[in-house]
Amino acid sequence: MPPDFARITRTLDERWARSQRMYALGYEEERHRVRVAWIPASADDETWFDLYQMAVAVEQDIALV
């Protein structure tokens, strides 16, 4: 029987869990900055969003390789 998720989360060191969350947030913020850097400043809102989604898809495709 797999361990109960709630029981596992109760046994985690809260400082460790917080540091993992902070790392994940920082990593995602950095990925966002990189994705945005690929988009020209002249792009309108709809094009910007499409290009951002494309950048996310390309990043995921690269990660799969």
C-alpha atoms as a PDB file:
ATOM      1  CA  MET A   1       0.000   0.000   0.000  1.00  0.00           C
ATOM      2  CA  PRO A   2       1.465   3.430  -0.968  1.00  0.00           C
ATOM      3  CA  PRO A   3       2.223   5.819   1.891  1.00  0.00           C
ATOM      4  CA  ASP A   4      -0.436   8.377   2.762  1.00  0.00           C
ATOM      5  CA  PHE A   5       0.491  11.761   1.246  1.00  0.00           C
ATOM      6  CA  ALA A   6      -0.766  13.720   4.264  1.00  0.00           C
ATOM      7  CA  ARG A   7       1.386  11.602   6.597  1.00  0.00           C
ATOM      8  CA  ILE A   8       4.466  12.188   4.445  1.00  0.00           C
ATOM      9  CA  THR A   9       3.917  15.940   4.346  1.00  0.00           C
ATOM     10  CA  ARG A  10       3.574  16.033   8.134  1.00  0.00           C
ATOM     11  CA  THR A  11       6.951  14.353   8.550  1.00  0.00           C
ATOM     12  CA  LEU A  12       8.819  16.771   6.276  1.00  0.00           C
ATOM     13  CA  ASP A  13      11.107  19.329   7.812  1.00  0.00           C
ATOM     14  CA  GLU A  14       9.213  22.540   7.166  1.00  0.00           C
ATOM     15  CA  ARG A  15      12.440  24.490   6.531  1.00  0.00           C
ATOM     16  CA  TRP A  16      13.460  21.974   3.857  1.00  0.00           C
ATOM     17  CA  ALA A  17      10.010  22.106   2.221  1.00  0.00           C
ATOM     18  CA  ARG A  18      10.091  25.926   2.255  1.00  0.00           C
ATOM     19  CA  SER A  19      13.564  25.999   0.708  1.00  0.00           C
ATOM     20  CA  GLN A  20      12.398  23.603  -2.027  1.00  0.00           C
ATOM     21  CA  ARG A  21       9.394  25.836  -2.779  1.00  0.00           C
ATOM     22  CA  MET A  22      11.629  28.920  -2.906  1.00  0.00           C
ATOM     23  CA  TYR A  23      14.045  27.156  -5.264  1.00  0.00           C
ATOM     24  CA  ALA A  24      11.187  26.073  -7.546  1.00  0.00           C
ATOM     25  CA  LEU A  25       9.740  29.596  -7.607  1.00  0.00           C
ATOM     26  CA  GLY A  26      13.129  31.126  -8.383  1.00  0.00           C
ATOM     27  CA  TYR A  27      13.730  28.584 -11.130  1.00  0.00           C
ATOM     28  CA  GLU A  28      10.352  29.303 -12.734  1.00  0.00           C
ATOM     29  CA  GLU A  29      10.948  33.067 -12.529  1.00  0.00           C
ATOM     30  CA  GLU A  30      14.273  32.607 -14.321  1.00  0.00           C
ATOM     31  CA  ARG A  31      12.642  30.428 -17.011  1.00  0.00           C
ATOM     32  CA  HIS A  32      10.006  33.161 -17.473  1.00  0.00           C
ATOM     33  CA  ARG A  33      12.731  35.809 -17.942  1.00  0.00           C
ATOM     34  CA  VAL A  34      14.456  33.636 -20.546  1.00  0.00           C
ATOM     35  CA  ARG A  35      11.201  32.996 -22.434  1.00  0.00           C
ATOM     36  CA  VAL A  36      10.325  36.703 -22.428  1.00  0.00           C
ATOM     37  CA  ALA A  37      13.807  37.581 -23.707  1.00  0.00           C
ATOM     38  CA  TRP A  38      13.017  35.654 -26.908  1.00  0.00           C
ATOM     39  CA  ILE A  39       9.996  37.842 -27.685  1.00  0.00           C
ATOM     40  CA  PRO A  40      10.471  41.149 -29.552  1.00  0.00           C
ATOM     41  CA  ALA A  41       9.313  44.235 -27.655  1.00  0.00           C
ATOM     42  CA  SER A  42       7.275  45.269 -30.716  1.00  0.00           C
ATOM     43  CA  ALA A  43       4.914  42.252 -30.451  1.00  0.00           C
ATOM     44  CA  ASP A  44       1.263  43.062 -29.785  1.00  0.00           C
ATOM     45  CA  ASP A  45      -0.496  41.296 -26.884  1.00  0.00           C
ATOM     46  CA  GLU A  46      -1.920  38.410 -28.905  1.00  0.00           C
ATOM     47  CA  THR A  47       1.354  37.780 -30.742  1.00  0.00           C
ATOM     48  CA  TRP A  48       3.284  38.081 -27.478  1.00  0.00           C
ATOM     49  CA  PHE A  49       1.105  35.423 -25.859  1.00  0.00           C
ATOM     50  CA  ASP A  50       1.417  33.112 -28.885  1.00  0.00           C
ATOM     51  CA  LEU A  51       5.201  33.506 -28.907  1.00  0.00           C
ATOM     52  CA  TYR A  52       5.373  32.896 -25.152  1.00  0.00           C
ATOM     53  CA  GLN A  53       3.366  29.679 -25.525  1.00  0.00           C
ATOM     54  CA  MET A  54       5.661  28.657 -28.378  1.00  0.00           C
ATOM     55  CA  ALA A  55       8.729  29.321 -26.205  1.00  0.00           C
ATOM     56  CA  VAL A  56       7.257  27.114 -23.461  1.00  0.00           C
ATOM     57  CA  ALA A  57       6.556  24.332 -25.968  1.00  0.00           C
ATOM     58  CA  VAL A  58      10.073  24.551 -27.436  1.00  0.00           C
ATOM     59  CA  GLU A  59      11.591  24.464 -23.952  1.00  0.00           C
ATOM     60  CA  GLN A  60       9.545  21.349 -23.109  1.00  0.00           C
ATOM     61  CA  ASP A  61      10.520  19.682 -26.394  1.00  0.00           C
ATOM     62  CA  ILE A  62      14.193  20.362 -25.700  1.00  0.00           C
ATOM     63  CA  ALA A  63      13.823  18.918 -22.196  1.00  0.00           C
ATOM     64  CA  LEU A  64      12.401  15.716 -23.670  1.00  0.00           C
ATOM     65  CA  VAL A  65      15.387  15.234 -25.967  1.00  0.00           C
END
